[in-house]
Amino acid sequence: RKVNVAVVHDLRAEVRLGASTLKDKDFVLAEHSSEVLVLRAQLEAAQAGRQEERTRALAAEASLSLHRSKEEERLKAEGAREEHEKKKAEDWTRAELTQVAHELESAQRLVVGAAKSAEQ
């Protein structure tokens, strides 16, 4: 009977030790779970930050593209305006030269007429 009591005490001590070890392992597991949750939260935050950076980069790229488009339109309009002004100046010059030519022809006819009258 003494042997049995000693065996029971040994078994109880082993059970207590096992329970203690199990509690320690549970604590370590809980600690690791907490670390995993923290790491997961950090990862999600980093991914959100990268997504925010991508969104900002896309917005900047879209803004730049819009600016380029507006600048191209402005340059086209400016080129068309310059072309119109150039054509207008050419037309005006052509009209002036035509008028001067007519005036010269009229003056020449007057000179020729005056010369003929002077001869007679």
Protein backbone atom coordinates (compact mmCIF):
# COMPACT_ATOMS: atom_id res chain seq x y z
CA ARG A 1 0.00 0.00 0.00
CA LYS A 2 2.87 2.38 0.72
CA VAL A 3 4.19 1.70 -2.74
CA ASN A 4 0.84 2.55 -4.23
CA VAL A 5 0.63 5.80 -2.27
CA ALA A 6 4.14 6.73 -3.42
CA VAL A 7 3.21 5.88 -7.00
CA VAL A 8 0.04 7.99 -6.70
CA HIS A 9 2.09 10.91 -5.32
CA ASP A 10 4.59 10.52 -8.15
CA LEU A 11 1.76 10.39 -10.68
CA ARG A 12 0.14 13.47 -9.14
CA ALA A 13 3.47 15.29 -9.27
CA GLU A 14 3.84 14.26 -12.92
CA VAL A 15 0.27 15.43 -13.66
CA ARG A 16 0.99 18.76 -11.96
CA LEU A 17 4.24 19.08 -13.88
CA GLY A 18 2.43 18.12 -17.09
CA ALA A 19 -0.32 20.66 -16.37
CA SER A 20 2.27 23.30 -15.62
CA THR A 21 4.13 22.44 -18.82
CA LEU A 22 0.83 22.51 -20.72
CA LYS A 23 0.00 25.91 -19.24
CA ASP A 24 3.46 27.15 -20.24
CA LYS A 25 2.94 25.83 -23.77
CA ASP A 26 -0.54 27.41 -23.91
CA PHE A 27 0.98 30.69 -22.77
CA VAL A 28 3.72 30.45 -25.41
CA LEU A 29 1.10 29.55 -28.03
CA ALA A 30 -1.07 32.50 -26.98
CA GLU A 31 1.98 34.73 -27.09
CA HIS A 32 2.82 33.49 -30.60
CA SER A 33 -0.82 34.01 -31.65
CA SER A 34 -0.63 37.59 -30.40
CA GLU A 35 2.61 38.11 -32.32
CA VAL A 36 0.97 36.66 -35.43
CA LEU A 37 -1.96 39.05 -35.02
CA VAL A 38 0.39 42.01 -34.59
CA LEU A 39 2.43 40.95 -37.63
CA ARG A 40 -0.74 40.46 -39.67
CA ALA A 41 -1.94 43.94 -38.66
CA GLN A 42 1.45 45.41 -39.60
CA LEU A 43 1.34 43.60 -42.95
CA GLU A 44 -2.17 44.87 -43.66
CA ALA A 45 -1.10 48.41 -42.73
CA ALA A 46 1.93 48.16 -45.01
CA GLN A 47 -0.24 46.82 -47.85
CA ALA A 48 -2.73 49.64 -47.30
CA GLY A 49 0.16 52.12 -47.33
CA ARG A 50 1.46 50.68 -50.59
CA GLN A 51 -2.05 50.80 -52.06
CA GLU A 52 -2.33 54.44 -50.96
CA GLU A 53 1.04 55.18 -52.58
CA ARG A 54 -0.11 53.44 -55.79
CA THR A 55 -3.31 55.45 -55.73
CA ARG A 56 -1.35 58.68 -55.27
CA ALA A 57 1.02 57.71 -58.10
CA LEU A 58 -1.90 56.94 -60.40
CA ALA A 59 -3.56 60.24 -59.49
CA ALA A 60 -0.31 62.11 -60.18
CA GLU A 61 0.08 60.29 -63.49
CA ALA A 62 -3.51 61.13 -64.46
CA SER A 63 -2.97 64.75 -63.49
CA LEU A 64 0.21 64.91 -65.55
CA SER A 65 -1.55 63.31 -68.51
CA LEU A 66 -4.38 65.83 -68.24
CA HIS A 67 -1.86 68.68 -68.02
CA ARG A 68 -0.08 67.38 -71.15
CA SER A 69 -3.39 67.09 -73.01
CA LYS A 70 -4.34 70.65 -72.06
CA GLU A 71 -0.90 71.89 -73.10
CA GLU A 72 -1.17 70.07 -76.45
CA GLU A 73 -4.61 71.60 -77.01
CA ARG A 74 -3.27 75.04 -76.12
CA LEU A 75 -0.36 74.63 -78.53
CA LYS A 76 -2.70 73.42 -81.29
CA ALA A 77 -4.99 76.39 -80.72
CA GLU A 78 -2.00 78.74 -80.65
CA GLY A 79 -0.66 77.20 -83.88
CA ALA A 80 -4.07 77.53 -85.55
CA ARG A 81 -4.31 81.15 -84.38
CA GLU A 82 -0.82 81.90 -85.70
CA GLU A 83 -1.67 80.19 -89.01
CA HIS A 84 -4.86 82.24 -89.27
CA GLU A 85 -2.96 85.47 -88.53
CA LYS A 86 -0.30 84.54 -91.11
CA LYS A 87 -2.97 83.82 -93.77
CA LYS A 88 -4.75 87.07 -92.90
CA ALA A 89 -1.47 89.00 -93.28
CA GLU A 90 -0.76 87.27 -96.60
CA ASP A 91 -4.27 88.07 -97.84
CA TRP A 92 -3.90 91.69 -96.76
CA THR A 93 -0.49 91.95 -98.46
CA ARG A 94 -1.90 90.38 -101.64
CA ALA A 95 -4.83 92.83 -101.60
CA GLU A 96 -2.46 95.78 -101.05
CA LEU A 97 -0.18 94.64 -103.89
CA THR A 98 -3.19 94.19 -106.21
CA GLN A 99 -4.39 97.70 -105.35
CA VAL A 100 -0.92 99.17 -105.93
CA ALA A 101 -0.73 97.33 -109.26
CA HIS A 102 -4.10 98.79 -110.33
CA GLU A 103 -2.99 102.26 -109.26
CA LEU A 104 0.26 101.85 -111.26
CA GLU A 105 -1.71 100.69 -114.32
CA SER A 106 -4.03 103.71 -113.97
CA ALA A 107 -1.06 106.07 -113.56
CA GLN A 108 0.66 104.47 -116.55
CA ARG A 109 -2.49 104.95 -118.67
CA LEU A 110 -2.65 108.58 -117.56
CA VAL A 111 1.02 109.07 -118.45
CA VAL A 112 0.55 107.37 -121.82
CA GLY A 113 -2.61 109.43 -122.44
CA ALA A 114 -0.83 112.64 -121.43
CA ALA A 115 2.12 111.77 -123.68
CA LYS A 116 -0.22 111.14 -126.63
CA SER A 117 -2.00 114.45 -125.96
CA ALA A 118 1.32 116.25 -125.78
CA GLU A 119 2.36 114.74 -129.13
CA GLN A 120 -0.78 115.95 -130.86
